């Protein structure tokens, strides 16, 4: 069972890393005049999305209704 959990974790991490990479590079190509600032901003948004989703997974039963709603909407918008 523990092996399956690690495989699931690594697969999810790899998938989100690849998707984030293409998202960041795509935005940087669109706004090529400001390559470095766009890469920093897009990378921060990708990491923030992962943190928000993992926070909601762990603490959804403790968070208030408005906090949950905000995190759900923010995650969907970032996607």
PDB file of N, CA and C in Angstrom:
ATOM      1  N   UNK A   1       0.828  -1.194   0.000  1.00  0.00           N
ATOM      2  CA  UNK A   1       0.000   0.000   0.000  1.00  0.00           C
ATOM      3  C   UNK A   1       0.869   1.253   0.000  1.00  0.00           C
ATOM      4  N   UNK A   2       1.954   1.238   0.745  1.00  0.00           N
ATOM      5  CA  UNK A   2       2.816   2.405   0.831  1.00  0.00           C
ATOM      6  C   UNK A   2       3.479   2.701  -0.510  1.00  0.00           C
ATOM      7  N   UNK A   3       3.804   1.672  -1.276  1.00  0.00           N
ATOM      8  CA  UNK A   3       4.407   1.861  -2.587  1.00  0.00           C
ATOM      9  C   UNK A   3       3.435   2.570  -3.518  1.00  0.00           C
ATOM     10  N   UNK A   4       2.175   2.173  -3.484  1.00  0.00           N
ATOM     11  CA  UNK A   4       1.165   2.821  -4.325  1.00  0.00           C
ATOM     12  C   UNK A   4       1.005   4.293  -3.963  1.00  0.00           C
ATOM     13  N   UNK A   5       1.074   4.615  -2.688  1.00  0.00           N
ATOM     14  CA  UNK A   5       0.960   6.011  -2.266  1.00  0.00           C
ATOM     15  C   UNK A   5       2.122   6.829  -2.813  1.00  0.00           C
ATOM     16  N   UNK A   6       3.329   6.286  -2.791  1.00  0.00           N
ATOM     17  CA  UNK A   6       4.478   7.006  -3.332  1.00  0.00           C
ATOM     18  C   UNK A   6       4.383   7.159  -4.843  1.00  0.00           C
ATOM     19  N   UNK A   7       3.937   6.114  -5.522  1.00  0.00           N
ATOM     20  CA  UNK A   7       3.768   6.208  -6.979  1.00  0.00           C
ATOM     21  C   UNK A   7       2.724   7.264  -7.322  1.00  0.00           C
ATOM     22  N   UNK A   8       1.634   7.300  -6.583  1.00  0.00           N
ATOM     23  CA  UNK A   8       0.595   8.301  -6.802  1.00  0.00           C
ATOM     24  C   UNK A   8       1.130   9.702  -6.550  1.00  0.00           C
ATOM     25  N   UNK A   9       1.868   9.864  -5.469  1.00  0.00           N
ATOM     26  CA  UNK A   9       2.455  11.162  -5.139  1.00  0.00           C
ATOM     27  C   UNK A   9       3.423  11.617  -6.228  1.00  0.00           C
ATOM     28  N   UNK A  10       4.336  10.754  -6.643  1.00  0.00           N
ATOM     29  CA  UNK A  10       5.327  11.124  -7.651  1.00  0.00           C
ATOM     30  C   UNK A  10       4.681  11.405  -9.010  1.00  0.00           C
ATOM     31  N   UNK A  11       3.659  10.637  -9.362  1.00  0.00           N
ATOM     32  CA  UNK A  11       2.951  10.867 -10.613  1.00  0.00           C
ATOM     33  C   UNK A  11       2.247  12.217 -10.597  1.00  0.00           C
ATOM     34  N   UNK A  12       1.587  12.527  -9.497  1.00  0.00           N
ATOM     35  CA  UNK A  12       0.916  13.823  -9.382  1.00  0.00           C
ATOM     36  C   UNK A  12       1.900  14.972  -9.403  1.00  0.00           C
ATOM     37  N   UNK A  13       3.013  14.817  -8.721  1.00  0.00           N
ATOM     38  CA  UNK A  13       4.040  15.850  -8.700  1.00  0.00           C
ATOM     39  C   UNK A  13       4.646  16.056 -10.086  1.00  0.00           C
ATOM     40  N   UNK A  14       4.918  14.978 -10.777  1.00  0.00           N
ATOM     41  CA  UNK A  14       5.468  15.070 -12.133  1.00  0.00           C
ATOM     42  C   UNK A  14       4.479  15.729 -13.084  1.00  0.00           C
ATOM     43  N   UNK A  15       3.224  15.339 -13.000  1.00  0.00           N
ATOM     44  CA  UNK A  15       2.208  15.913 -13.871  1.00  0.00           C
ATOM     45  C   UNK A  15       2.038  17.407 -13.628  1.00  0.00           C
ATOM     46  N   UNK A  16       1.964  17.808 -12.361  1.00  0.00           N
ATOM     47  CA  UNK A  16       1.805  19.236 -12.072  1.00  0.00           C
ATOM     48  C   UNK A  16       3.061  20.017 -12.437  1.00  0.00           C
ATOM     49  N   UNK A  17       4.226  19.413 -12.307  1.00  0.00           N
ATOM     50  CA  UNK A  17       5.466  20.088 -12.694  1.00  0.00           C
ATOM     51  C   UNK A  17       5.535  20.321 -14.197  1.00  0.00           C
ATOM     52  N   UNK A  18       5.172  19.318 -14.960  1.00  0.00           N
ATOM     53  CA  UNK A  18       5.205  19.457 -16.421  1.00  0.00           C
ATOM     54  C   UNK A  18       4.164  20.471 -16.886  1.00  0.00           C
ATOM     55  N   UNK A  19       2.967  20.391 -16.332  1.00  0.00           N
ATOM     56  CA  UNK A  19       1.923  21.353 -16.700  1.00  0.00           C
ATOM     57  C   UNK A  19       2.322  22.769 -16.312  1.00  0.00           C
ATOM     58  N   UNK A  20       2.905  22.922 -15.133  1.00  0.00           N
ATOM     59  CA  UNK A  20       3.375  24.234 -14.705  1.00  0.00           C
ATOM     60  C   UNK A  20       4.478  24.764 -15.598  1.00  0.00           C
ATOM     61  N   UNK A  21       5.392  23.893 -15.989  1.00  0.00           N
ATOM     62  CA  UNK A  21       6.485  24.300 -16.872  1.00  0.00           C
ATOM     63  C   UNK A  21       5.948  24.843 -18.190  1.00  0.00           C
ATOM     64  N   UNK A  22       5.035  24.106 -18.812  1.00  0.00           N
ATOM     65  CA  UNK A  22       4.484  24.564 -20.085  1.00  0.00           C
ATOM     66  C   UNK A  22       3.650  25.829 -19.925  1.00  0.00           C
ATOM     67  N   UNK A  23       2.966  25.958 -18.820  1.00  0.00           N
ATOM     68  CA  UNK A  23       2.198  27.166 -18.554  1.00  0.00           C
ATOM     69  C   UNK A  23       3.112  28.371 -18.407  1.00  0.00           C
ATOM     70  N   UNK A  24       4.160  28.226 -17.624  1.00  0.00           N
ATOM     71  CA  UNK A  24       5.096  29.329 -17.396  1.00  0.00           C
ATOM     72  C   UNK A  24       5.821  29.700 -18.685  1.00  0.00           C
ATOM     73  N   UNK A  25       6.314  28.730 -19.406  1.00  0.00           N
ATOM     74  CA  UNK A  25       7.030  29.009 -20.653  1.00  0.00           C
ATOM     75  C   UNK A  25       6.089  29.602 -21.695  1.00  0.00           C
ATOM     76  N   UNK A  26       4.862  29.125 -21.762  1.00  0.00           N
ATOM     77  CA  UNK A  26       3.890  29.681 -22.701  1.00  0.00           C
ATOM     78  C   UNK A  26       3.601  31.142 -22.418  1.00  0.00           C
ATOM     79  N   UNK A  27       3.400  31.481 -21.150  1.00  0.00           N
ATOM     80  CA  UNK A  27       3.180  32.877 -20.797  1.00  0.00           C
ATOM     81  C   UNK A  27       4.415  33.723 -21.089  1.00  0.00           C
ATOM     82  N   UNK A  28       5.583  33.178 -20.843  1.00  0.00           N
ATOM     83  CA  UNK A  28       6.820  33.918 -21.091  1.00  0.00           C
ATOM     84  C   UNK A  28       7.015  34.170 -22.584  1.00  0.00           C
ATOM     85  N   UNK A  29       6.586  33.234 -23.418  1.00  0.00           N
ATOM     86  CA  UNK A  29       6.696  33.437 -24.859  1.00  0.00           C
ATOM     87  C   UNK A  29       5.690  34.484 -25.350  1.00  0.00           C
ATOM     88  N   UNK A  30       4.511  34.496 -24.761  1.00  0.00           N
ATOM     89  CA  UNK A  30       3.512  35.493 -25.145  1.00  0.00           C
ATOM     90  C   UNK A  30       3.998  36.891 -24.777  1.00  0.00           C
ATOM     91  N   UNK A  31       4.535  37.025 -23.579  1.00  0.00           N
ATOM     92  CA  UNK A  31       5.039  38.312 -23.097  1.00  0.00           C
ATOM     93  C   UNK A  31       6.567  38.294 -23.085  1.00  0.00           C
ATOM     94  N   UNK A  32       7.158  38.107 -24.242  1.00  0.00           N
ATOM     95  CA  UNK A  32       8.608  37.924 -24.319  1.00  0.00           C
ATOM     96  C   UNK A  32       9.396  39.182 -23.978  1.00  0.00           C
ATOM     97  N   UNK A  33       8.767  40.346 -24.009  1.00  0.00           N
ATOM     98  CA  UNK A  33       9.474  41.570 -23.664  1.00  0.00           C
ATOM     99  C   UNK A  33       9.840  41.643 -22.194  1.00  0.00           C
ATOM    100  N   UNK A  34       9.094  40.922 -21.370  1.00  0.00           N
ATOM    101  CA  UNK A  34       9.353  40.903 -19.923  1.00  0.00           C
ATOM    102  C   UNK A  34       9.496  39.455 -19.470  1.00  0.00           C
ATOM    103  N   UNK A  35      10.442  38.755 -20.046  1.00  0.00           N
ATOM    104  CA  UNK A  35      10.577  37.314 -19.834  1.00  0.00           C
ATOM    105  C   UNK A  35      10.750  36.949 -18.357  1.00  0.00           C
ATOM    106  N   UNK A  36      11.734  37.548 -17.702  1.00  0.00           N
ATOM    107  CA  UNK A  36      12.041  37.177 -16.316  1.00  0.00           C
ATOM    108  C   UNK A  36      10.894  37.525 -15.361  1.00  0.00           C
ATOM    109  N   UNK A  37      10.317  38.721 -15.413  1.00  0.00           N
ATOM    110  CA  UNK A  37       9.200  39.009 -14.511  1.00  0.00           C
ATOM    111  C   UNK A  37       8.001  38.084 -14.724  1.00  0.00           C
ATOM    112  N   UNK A  38       7.731  37.733 -15.980  1.00  0.00           N
ATOM    113  CA  UNK A  38       6.609  36.832 -16.261  1.00  0.00           C
ATOM    114  C   UNK A  38       6.899  35.436 -15.720  1.00  0.00           C
ATOM    115  N   UNK A  39       8.123  34.963 -15.853  1.00  0.00           N
ATOM    116  CA  UNK A  39       8.483  33.647 -15.329  1.00  0.00           C
ATOM    117  C   UNK A  39       8.352  33.629 -13.810  1.00  0.00           C
ATOM    118  N   UNK A  40       8.800  34.681 -13.157  1.00  0.00           N
ATOM    119  CA  UNK A  40       8.695  34.753 -11.693  1.00  0.00           C
ATOM    120  C   UNK A  40       7.229  34.779 -11.265  1.00  0.00           C
ATOM    121  N   UNK A  41       6.427  35.622 -11.915  1.00  0.00           N
ATOM    122  CA  UNK A  41       5.010  35.726 -11.564  1.00  0.00           C
ATOM    123  C   UNK A  41       4.276  34.419 -11.822  1.00  0.00           C
ATOM    124  N   UNK A  42       4.458  33.840 -12.991  1.00  0.00           N
ATOM    125  CA  UNK A  42       3.755  32.608 -13.328  1.00  0.00           C
ATOM    126  C   UNK A  42       4.199  31.452 -12.432  1.00  0.00           C
ATOM    127  N   UNK A  43       5.472  31.379 -12.101  1.00  0.00           N
ATOM    128  CA  UNK A  43       5.957  30.322 -11.207  1.00  0.00           C
ATOM    129  C   UNK A  43       5.346  30.467  -9.819  1.00  0.00           C
ATOM    130  N   UNK A  44       5.270  31.697  -9.341  1.00  0.00           N
ATOM    131  CA  UNK A  44       4.663  31.943  -8.036  1.00  0.00           C
ATOM    132  C   UNK A  44       3.189  31.561  -8.034  1.00  0.00           C
ATOM    133  N   UNK A  45       2.482  31.880  -9.105  1.00  0.00           N
ATOM    134  CA  UNK A  45       1.067  31.505  -9.202  1.00  0.00           C
ATOM    135  C   UNK A  45       0.886  29.989  -9.232  1.00  0.00           C
ATOM    136  N   UNK A  46       1.765  29.289  -9.936  1.00  0.00           N
ATOM    137  CA  UNK A  46       1.672  27.824  -9.980  1.00  0.00           C
ATOM    138  C   UNK A  46       1.909  27.213  -8.596  1.00  0.00           C
ATOM    139  N   UNK A  47       2.919  27.678  -7.906  1.00  0.00           N
ATOM    140  CA  UNK A  47       3.194  27.158  -6.560  1.00  0.00           C
ATOM    141  C   UNK A  47       2.051  27.508  -5.615  1.00  0.00           C
ATOM    142  N   UNK A  48       1.514  28.711  -5.728  1.00  0.00           N
ATOM    143  CA  UNK A  48       0.395  29.131  -4.878  1.00  0.00           C
ATOM    144  C   UNK A  48      -0.826  28.259  -5.107  1.00  0.00           C
ATOM    145  N   UNK A  49      -1.052  27.878  -6.341  1.00  0.00           N
ATOM    146  CA  UNK A  49      -2.183  27.002  -6.650  1.00  0.00           C
ATOM    147  C   UNK A  49      -2.008  25.652  -5.956  1.00  0.00           C
ATOM    148  N   UNK A  50      -0.810  25.092  -6.010  1.00  0.00           N
ATOM    149  CA  UNK A  50      -0.574  23.802  -5.364  1.00  0.00           C
ATOM    150  C   UNK A  50      -0.701  23.906  -3.844  1.00  0.00           C
ATOM    151  N   UNK A  51      -0.224  24.995  -3.277  1.00  0.00           N
ATOM    152  CA  UNK A  51      -0.334  25.188  -1.832  1.00  0.00           C
ATOM    153  C   UNK A  51      -1.801  25.340  -1.420  1.00  0.00           C
ATOM    154  N   UNK A  52      -2.566  26.102  -2.194  1.00  0.00           N
ATOM    155  CA  UNK A  52      -3.982  26.292  -1.870  1.00  0.00           C
ATOM    156  C   UNK A  52      -4.750  24.977  -1.924  1.00  0.00           C
ATOM    157  N   UNK A  53      -4.482  24.173  -2.927  1.00  0.00           N
ATOM    158  CA  UNK A  53      -5.180  22.889  -3.048  1.00  0.00           C
ATOM    159  C   UNK A  53      -4.786  21.945  -1.919  1.00  0.00           C
ATOM    160  N   UNK A  54      -3.503  21.892  -1.588  1.00  0.00           N
ATOM    161  CA  UNK A  54      -3.084  20.995  -0.510  1.00  0.00           C
ATOM    162  C   UNK A  54      -3.598  21.492   0.844  1.00  0.00           C
ATOM    163  N   UNK A  55      -3.666  22.814   1.033  1.00  0.00           N
ATOM    164  CA  UNK A  55      -4.214  23.361   2.280  1.00  0.00           C
ATOM    165  C   UNK A  55      -5.688  22.990   2.407  1.00  0.00           C
ATOM    166  N   UNK A  56      -6.420  23.116   1.301  1.00  0.00           N
ATOM    167  CA  UNK A  56      -7.845  22.766   1.351  1.00  0.00           C
ATOM    168  C   UNK A  56      -8.042  21.271   1.611  1.00  0.00           C
ATOM    169  N   UNK A  57      -7.158  20.457   1.084  1.00  0.00           N
ATOM    170  CA  UNK A  57      -7.272  19.019   1.334  1.00  0.00           C
ATOM    171  C   UNK A  57      -7.086  18.715   2.821  1.00  0.00           C
ATOM    172  N   UNK A  58      -6.124  19.360   3.444  1.00  0.00           N
ATOM    173  CA  UNK A  58      -5.830  19.072   4.857  1.00  0.00           C
ATOM    174  C   UNK A  58      -6.799  19.730   5.825  1.00  0.00           C
ATOM    175  N   UNK A  59      -7.197  20.977   5.551  1.00  0.00           N
ATOM    176  CA  UNK A  59      -7.932  21.760   6.548  1.00  0.00           C
ATOM    177  C   UNK A  59      -9.337  22.164   6.113  1.00  0.00           C
ATOM    178  N   UNK A  60      -9.918  21.482   5.140  1.00  0.00           N
ATOM    179  CA  UNK A  60     -11.236  21.881   4.661  1.00  0.00           C
ATOM    180  C   UNK A  60     -12.298  21.761   5.741  1.00  0.00           C
ATOM    181  N   UNK A  61     -12.135  20.843   6.670  1.00  0.00           N
ATOM    182  CA  UNK A  61     -13.124  20.676   7.736  1.00  0.00           C
ATOM    183  C   UNK A  61     -12.982  21.763   8.815  1.00  0.00           C
ATOM    184  N   UNK A  62     -11.840  22.435   8.880  1.00  0.00           N
ATOM    185  CA  UNK A  62     -11.635  23.501   9.867  1.00  0.00           C
ATOM    186  C   UNK A  62     -11.907  24.895   9.296  1.00  0.00           C
ATOM    187  N   UNK A  63     -11.813  25.031   7.990  1.00  0.00           N
ATOM    188  CA  UNK A  63     -11.961  26.338   7.358  1.00  0.00           C
ATOM    189  C   UNK A  63     -13.423  26.743   7.311  1.00  0.00           C
ATOM    190  N   UNK A  64     -13.648  28.035   7.394  1.00  0.00           N
ATOM    191  CA  UNK A  64     -14.994  28.565   7.286  1.00  0.00           C
ATOM    192  C   UNK A  64     -15.509  28.482   5.853  1.00  0.00           C
ATOM    193  N   UNK A  65     -16.778  28.685   5.709  1.00  0.00           N
ATOM    194  CA  UNK A  65     -17.413  28.582   4.396  1.00  0.00           C
ATOM    195  C   UNK A  65     -16.807  29.577   3.400  1.00  0.00           C
ATOM    196  N   UNK A  66     -16.573  30.819   3.838  1.00  0.00           N
ATOM    197  CA  UNK A  66     -16.062  31.840   2.929  1.00  0.00           C
ATOM    198  C   UNK A  66     -14.613  31.571   2.534  1.00  0.00           C
ATOM    199  N   UNK A  67     -13.840  31.027   3.438  1.00  0.00           N
ATOM    200  CA  UNK A  67     -12.449  30.687   3.109  1.00  0.00           C
ATOM    201  C   UNK A  67     -12.418  29.555   2.085  1.00  0.00           C
ATOM    202  N   UNK A  68     -13.237  28.541   2.307  1.00  0.00           N
ATOM    203  CA  UNK A  68     -13.310  27.437   1.340  1.00  0.00           C
ATOM    204  C   UNK A  68     -13.753  27.936  -0.028  1.00  0.00           C
ATOM    205  N   UNK A  69     -14.772  28.772  -0.043  1.00  0.00           N
ATOM    206  CA  UNK A  69     -15.273  29.307  -1.305  1.00  0.00           C
ATOM    207  C   UNK A  69     -14.184  30.104  -2.022  1.00  0.00           C
ATOM    208  N   UNK A  70     -13.472  30.944  -1.277  1.00  0.00           N
ATOM    209  CA  UNK A  70     -12.393  31.730  -1.886  1.00  0.00           C
ATOM    210  C   UNK A  70     -11.324  30.828  -2.485  1.00  0.00           C
ATOM    211  N   UNK A  71     -10.872  29.832  -1.733  1.00  0.00           N
ATOM    212  CA  UNK A  71      -9.820  28.956  -2.244  1.00  0.00           C
ATOM    213  C   UNK A  71     -10.290  28.158  -3.451  1.00  0.00           C
ATOM    214  N   UNK A  72     -11.532  27.697  -3.452  1.00  0.00           N
ATOM    215  CA  UNK A  72     -12.043  26.975  -4.612  1.00  0.00           C
ATOM    216  C   UNK A  72     -12.074  27.873  -5.844  1.00  0.00           C
ATOM    217  N   UNK A  73     -12.594  29.084  -5.679  1.00  0.00           N
ATOM    218  CA  UNK A  73     -12.676  30.003  -6.810  1.00  0.00           C
ATOM    219  C   UNK A  73     -11.277  30.405  -7.281  1.00  0.00           C
ATOM    220  N   UNK A  74     -10.384  30.716  -6.344  1.00  0.00           N
ATOM    221  CA  UNK A  74      -9.025  31.117  -6.725  1.00  0.00           C
ATOM    222  C   UNK A  74      -8.308  29.993  -7.463  1.00  0.00           C
ATOM    223  N   UNK A  75      -8.492  28.765  -7.025  1.00  0.00           N
ATOM    224  CA  UNK A  75      -7.846  27.638  -7.696  1.00  0.00           C
ATOM    225  C   UNK A  75      -8.401  27.442  -9.097  1.00  0.00           C
ATOM    226  N   UNK A  76      -9.700  27.549  -9.249  1.00  0.00           N
ATOM    227  CA  UNK A  76     -10.312  27.393 -10.568  1.00  0.00           C
ATOM    228  C   UNK A  76      -9.850  28.504 -11.509  1.00  0.00           C
ATOM    229  N   UNK A  77      -9.774  29.725 -11.010  1.00  0.00           N
ATOM    230  CA  UNK A  77      -9.299  30.837 -11.851  1.00  0.00           C
ATOM    231  C   UNK A  77      -7.837  30.622 -12.252  1.00  0.00           C
ATOM    232  N   UNK A  78      -7.014  30.155 -11.338  1.00  0.00           N
ATOM    233  CA  UNK A  78      -5.614  29.908 -11.667  1.00  0.00           C
ATOM    234  C   UNK A  78      -5.434  28.759 -12.642  1.00  0.00           C
ATOM    235  N   UNK A  79      -6.354  27.832 -12.637  1.00  0.00           N
ATOM    236  CA  UNK A  79      -6.258  26.732 -13.597  1.00  0.00           C
ATOM    237  C   UNK A  79      -6.536  27.245 -14.991  1.00  0.00           C
TER     238      UNK A  79
END
